[in-house]
Amino acid sequence: MTAQRTIGILGLGIFGSTLAETLANYGIEVIACDINQKNVDRISHSLTVGGVGDFTDLDYLKSLGFAQCDTIVISTGSSLESSVLGLVNAKELGVDRIICKVKNKSHRKVLTALGADLVVQPEKESAKRMATSLLRHSIDELIKLDSQTSIVEFHAPKRWLGKSLDSLDLRNRYDINIIGIRRGKQQSLITNFPFDYCLSEHETYVAVADNDKFEKADYLESIR
């Protein structure tokens, strides 16, 4: 059984709060903090642990449990000083992976040089994702976890419909591990389902999948 992942988020502005809610919807535990009480309260339903305070304070981060996180995302991109201190603290906590949000190339250079594992510019990355999504026919959403693996939400190819998960043997045949089922855009993700569950055209499926395959726009089309 796969161990429960825990993601830490420092800063709950639009980017950080959206990230927290999305991860929580996929069953990921989220620990987060922000200096603003309203920001924390707004998404408290999505947080395993939420705190109001200064994330440049290492002892405060320890008290919330950030040392237990697999990844920490520093999502405040406006202040380089805050991002640097957040990065230093995350390293001090011994977290495996640190992701930083930035607003420009100069901030990217500084945080990369200081050892951030991944530095993102949301506006630029969003434009790239939109371009890629326009090329995909069956894939609704794709979230990269690392260089090799993504969480992908997709519609089943026609020739899978009416067939059971165990008979399709998706993990061995296509490197696709189904972890959830959604029966409508506004419906909660179903994570408890039998191995002989039959696929339907009215559902979408959430899976952990291989990046190299799902980055190809025609991958699901090719196995129809």
Protein backbone atom coordinates (compact mmCIF):
# COMPACT_ATOMS: atom_id res chain seq x y z
CA MET A 1 0.00 0.00 0.00
CA THR A 2 1.31 3.46 -0.99
CA ALA A 3 2.21 5.71 1.95
CA GLN A 4 0.06 8.82 2.44
CA ARG A 5 1.75 11.86 0.90
CA THR A 6 1.86 15.17 2.74
CA ILE A 7 2.48 18.47 0.97
CA GLY A 8 3.35 21.70 2.77
CA ILE A 9 2.34 25.09 1.39
CA LEU A 10 3.83 28.37 2.60
CA GLY A 11 1.51 31.21 1.64
CA LEU A 12 -2.18 30.93 0.79
CA GLY A 13 -2.80 33.56 -1.84
CA ILE A 14 -4.63 32.61 -5.04
CA PHE A 15 -1.89 30.23 -6.18
CA GLY A 16 -1.30 28.59 -2.80
CA SER A 17 -4.98 28.19 -1.90
CA THR A 18 -5.87 26.78 -5.32
CA LEU A 19 -3.00 24.33 -5.05
CA ALA A 20 -4.09 23.28 -1.55
CA GLU A 21 -7.71 22.69 -2.58
CA THR A 22 -6.73 20.76 -5.70
CA LEU A 23 -4.32 18.49 -3.81
CA ALA A 24 -6.91 17.88 -1.08
CA ASN A 25 -9.46 16.87 -3.73
CA TYR A 26 -7.02 14.18 -4.83
CA GLY A 27 -6.67 12.85 -1.31
CA ILE A 28 -3.32 14.45 -0.49
CA GLU A 29 -2.76 15.69 3.08
CA VAL A 30 -1.96 19.41 3.10
CA ILE A 31 -0.22 21.41 5.83
CA ALA A 32 -0.27 25.15 5.17
CA CYS A 33 0.26 28.52 6.77
CA ASP A 34 -0.26 32.17 5.94
CA ILE A 35 0.16 35.42 7.79
CA ASN A 36 -3.48 36.30 7.06
CA GLN A 37 -6.21 34.61 9.14
CA LYS A 38 -8.81 35.07 6.38
CA ASN A 39 -6.68 33.19 3.85
CA VAL A 40 -6.39 30.21 6.18
CA ASP A 41 -10.06 30.23 7.18
CA ARG A 42 -11.19 30.38 3.55
CA ILE A 43 -9.77 26.93 2.73
CA SER A 44 -9.65 25.35 6.19
CA HIS A 45 -11.87 22.51 4.91
CA SER A 46 -9.04 21.46 2.56
CA LEU A 47 -6.23 21.55 5.14
CA THR A 48 -5.04 18.73 7.35
CA VAL A 49 -3.25 21.38 9.41
CA GLY A 50 -3.59 25.13 8.91
CA GLY A 51 -1.80 27.85 10.81
CA VAL A 52 -1.68 31.63 10.94
CA GLY A 53 1.85 32.91 11.30
CA ASP A 54 5.16 33.82 9.72
CA PHE A 55 6.71 30.99 7.69
CA THR A 56 10.14 32.60 7.96
CA ASP A 57 10.07 31.41 11.61
CA LEU A 58 11.60 27.92 11.63
CA ASP A 59 10.26 26.97 15.06
CA TYR A 60 6.75 27.89 13.95
CA LEU A 61 7.03 25.59 10.93
CA LYS A 62 8.24 22.76 13.16
CA SER A 63 5.27 23.24 15.49
CA LEU A 64 2.83 22.79 12.59
CA GLY A 65 4.50 19.59 11.41
CA PHE A 66 6.14 20.80 8.21
CA ALA A 67 9.12 18.53 8.90
CA GLN A 68 6.87 15.56 8.05
CA CYS A 69 6.12 16.88 4.55
CA ASP A 70 7.37 15.10 1.42
CA THR A 71 7.37 18.40 -0.48
CA ILE A 72 7.10 22.04 0.52
CA VAL A 73 5.78 24.64 -1.92
CA ILE A 74 6.76 28.25 -1.25
CA SER A 75 3.89 29.99 -2.96
CA THR A 76 4.51 33.64 -2.14
CA GLY A 77 6.28 35.02 -5.19
CA SER A 78 6.19 38.77 -4.57
CA SER A 79 8.94 38.98 -1.94
CA LEU A 80 12.29 37.45 -2.83
CA GLU A 81 13.47 37.78 0.78
CA SER A 82 10.50 35.78 2.10
CA SER A 83 10.98 33.12 -0.57
CA VAL A 84 14.67 32.79 0.27
CA LEU A 85 13.98 32.47 4.01
CA GLY A 86 11.22 29.95 3.30
CA LEU A 87 13.61 27.94 1.15
CA VAL A 88 16.33 28.01 3.81
CA ASN A 89 13.83 26.86 6.46
CA ALA A 90 12.51 24.06 4.24
CA LYS A 91 16.07 22.82 3.76
CA GLU A 92 16.67 23.02 7.50
CA LEU A 93 13.60 20.82 8.02
CA GLY A 94 15.11 18.17 5.75
CA VAL A 95 12.22 18.09 3.28
CA ASP A 96 12.85 15.92 0.21
CA ARG A 97 11.59 18.38 -2.40
CA ILE A 98 11.18 22.16 -2.41
CA ILE A 99 9.19 24.06 -5.03
CA CYS A 100 9.22 27.85 -5.28
CA LYS A 101 6.84 30.20 -7.06
CA VAL A 102 8.50 33.26 -8.62
CA LYS A 103 7.38 36.30 -10.58
CA ASN A 104 10.43 36.85 -12.80
CA LYS A 105 13.64 35.38 -14.21
CA SER A 106 15.95 37.09 -11.72
CA HIS A 107 14.10 35.54 -8.77
CA ARG A 108 14.22 32.19 -10.57
CA LYS A 109 18.01 32.41 -10.86
CA VAL A 110 18.47 33.21 -7.16
CA LEU A 111 16.21 30.43 -5.86
CA THR A 112 17.60 27.87 -8.29
CA ALA A 113 21.14 28.77 -7.19
CA LEU A 114 20.11 28.34 -3.54
CA GLY A 115 18.91 24.81 -4.20
CA ALA A 116 15.19 24.88 -5.02
CA ASP A 117 14.28 21.61 -6.74
CA LEU A 118 11.71 23.29 -8.98
CA VAL A 119 10.96 26.95 -9.66
CA VAL A 120 7.70 27.89 -11.38
CA GLN A 121 6.22 31.01 -12.93
CA PRO A 122 2.46 30.30 -12.79
CA GLU A 123 1.38 32.60 -15.61
CA LYS A 124 3.99 31.18 -17.99
CA GLU A 125 3.34 27.58 -16.95
CA SER A 126 -0.45 28.05 -17.20
CA ALA A 127 -0.11 29.26 -20.77
CA LYS A 128 1.96 26.19 -21.65
CA ARG A 129 -0.56 23.87 -19.98
CA MET A 130 -3.44 25.49 -21.84
CA ALA A 131 -1.66 25.04 -25.16
CA THR A 132 -1.01 21.39 -24.35
CA SER A 133 -4.57 20.78 -23.15
CA LEU A 134 -5.93 22.13 -26.42
CA LEU A 135 -4.05 19.32 -28.16
CA ARG A 136 -5.54 16.59 -25.98
CA HIS A 137 -8.89 14.99 -26.73
CA SER A 138 -9.48 12.61 -23.81
CA ILE A 139 -7.41 14.18 -21.02
CA ASP A 140 -9.16 16.72 -18.78
CA GLU A 141 -6.36 17.48 -16.32
CA LEU A 142 -2.72 16.60 -15.80
CA ILE A 143 -0.64 17.45 -12.73
CA LYS A 144 3.05 16.61 -12.74
CA LEU A 145 4.32 15.09 -9.50
CA ASP A 146 7.92 14.78 -10.68
CA SER A 147 9.95 14.25 -13.86
CA GLN A 148 8.55 10.75 -14.35
CA THR A 149 5.04 10.71 -12.90
CA SER A 150 1.78 12.67 -13.20
CA ILE A 151 -1.74 12.55 -11.81
CA VAL A 152 -4.05 12.61 -14.83
CA GLU A 153 -7.83 12.86 -15.11
CA PHE A 154 -9.20 11.45 -18.35
CA HIS A 155 -12.15 9.95 -20.21
CA ALA A 156 -11.79 6.26 -21.02
CA PRO A 157 -11.04 5.34 -24.65
CA LYS A 158 -14.05 3.83 -26.41
CA ARG A 159 -12.69 0.32 -26.49
CA TRP A 160 -12.31 0.30 -22.68
CA LEU A 161 -15.99 1.12 -22.05
CA GLY A 162 -17.99 -1.64 -20.37
CA LYS A 163 -14.83 -3.52 -19.46
CA SER A 164 -13.62 -4.11 -15.92
CA LEU A 165 -10.41 -2.70 -14.47
CA ASP A 166 -9.01 -6.14 -13.72
CA SER A 167 -9.61 -7.38 -17.27
CA LEU A 168 -8.03 -4.27 -18.79
CA ASP A 169 -4.89 -4.71 -16.63
CA LEU A 170 -4.04 -1.04 -17.14
CA ARG A 171 -1.06 -0.94 -14.81
CA ASN A 172 0.88 -3.62 -16.65
CA ARG A 173 -0.29 -2.81 -20.18
CA TYR A 174 -0.28 0.99 -20.18
CA ASP A 175 1.54 2.14 -17.01
CA ILE A 176 -1.76 3.57 -15.72
CA ASN A 177 -2.77 3.10 -12.06
CA ILE A 178 -6.40 4.17 -11.48
CA ILE A 179 -6.79 5.81 -8.05
CA GLY A 180 -10.18 7.50 -8.37
CA ILE A 181 -13.46 7.78 -10.28
CA ARG A 182 -15.55 10.93 -10.81
CA ARG A 183 -19.18 10.65 -11.95
CA GLY A 184 -19.63 14.33 -12.79
CA LYS A 185 -17.60 17.55 -12.80
CA GLN A 186 -18.99 18.70 -9.46
CA GLN A 187 -18.97 15.25 -7.86
CA SER A 188 -16.49 14.14 -5.22
CA LEU A 189 -13.77 11.71 -6.20
CA ILE A 190 -14.61 8.05 -5.45
CA THR A 191 -11.51 6.29 -4.18
CA ASN A 192 -13.06 3.08 -2.86
CA PHE A 193 -14.05 0.86 -5.78
CA PRO A 194 -13.70 -2.87 -6.63
CA PHE A 195 -11.08 -4.34 -8.96
CA ASP A 196 -13.85 -5.54 -11.28
CA TYR A 197 -15.38 -2.07 -11.63
CA CYS A 198 -16.61 -1.49 -15.21
CA LEU A 199 -15.73 1.73 -17.03
CA SER A 200 -18.42 4.10 -18.34
CA GLU A 201 -18.45 6.93 -20.88
CA HIS A 202 -20.19 9.18 -18.34
CA GLU A 203 -17.28 9.11 -15.87
CA THR A 204 -13.74 10.42 -15.71
CA TYR A 205 -10.88 8.50 -14.16
CA VAL A 206 -7.99 9.77 -12.06
CA ALA A 207 -4.74 7.86 -12.38
CA VAL A 208 -1.07 7.96 -11.57
CA ALA A 209 0.63 7.66 -14.94
CA ASP A 210 3.92 7.83 -16.80
CA ASN A 211 4.77 11.35 -18.04
CA ASP A 212 6.43 10.28 -21.26
CA LYS A 213 3.25 8.56 -22.43
CA PHE A 214 0.66 11.09 -21.29
CA GLU A 215 2.61 14.09 -22.55
CA LYS A 216 1.97 12.76 -26.03
CA ALA A 217 -1.31 14.34 -27.10
CA ASP A 218 -2.39 11.30 -29.08
CA TYR A 219 -1.61 8.64 -26.44
CA LEU A 220 -5.17 7.87 -25.39
CA GLU A 221 -6.38 8.35 -28.96
CA SER A 222 -3.90 5.74 -30.16
CA ILE A 223 -5.36 3.04 -27.89
CA ARG A 224 -8.99 3.64 -28.77
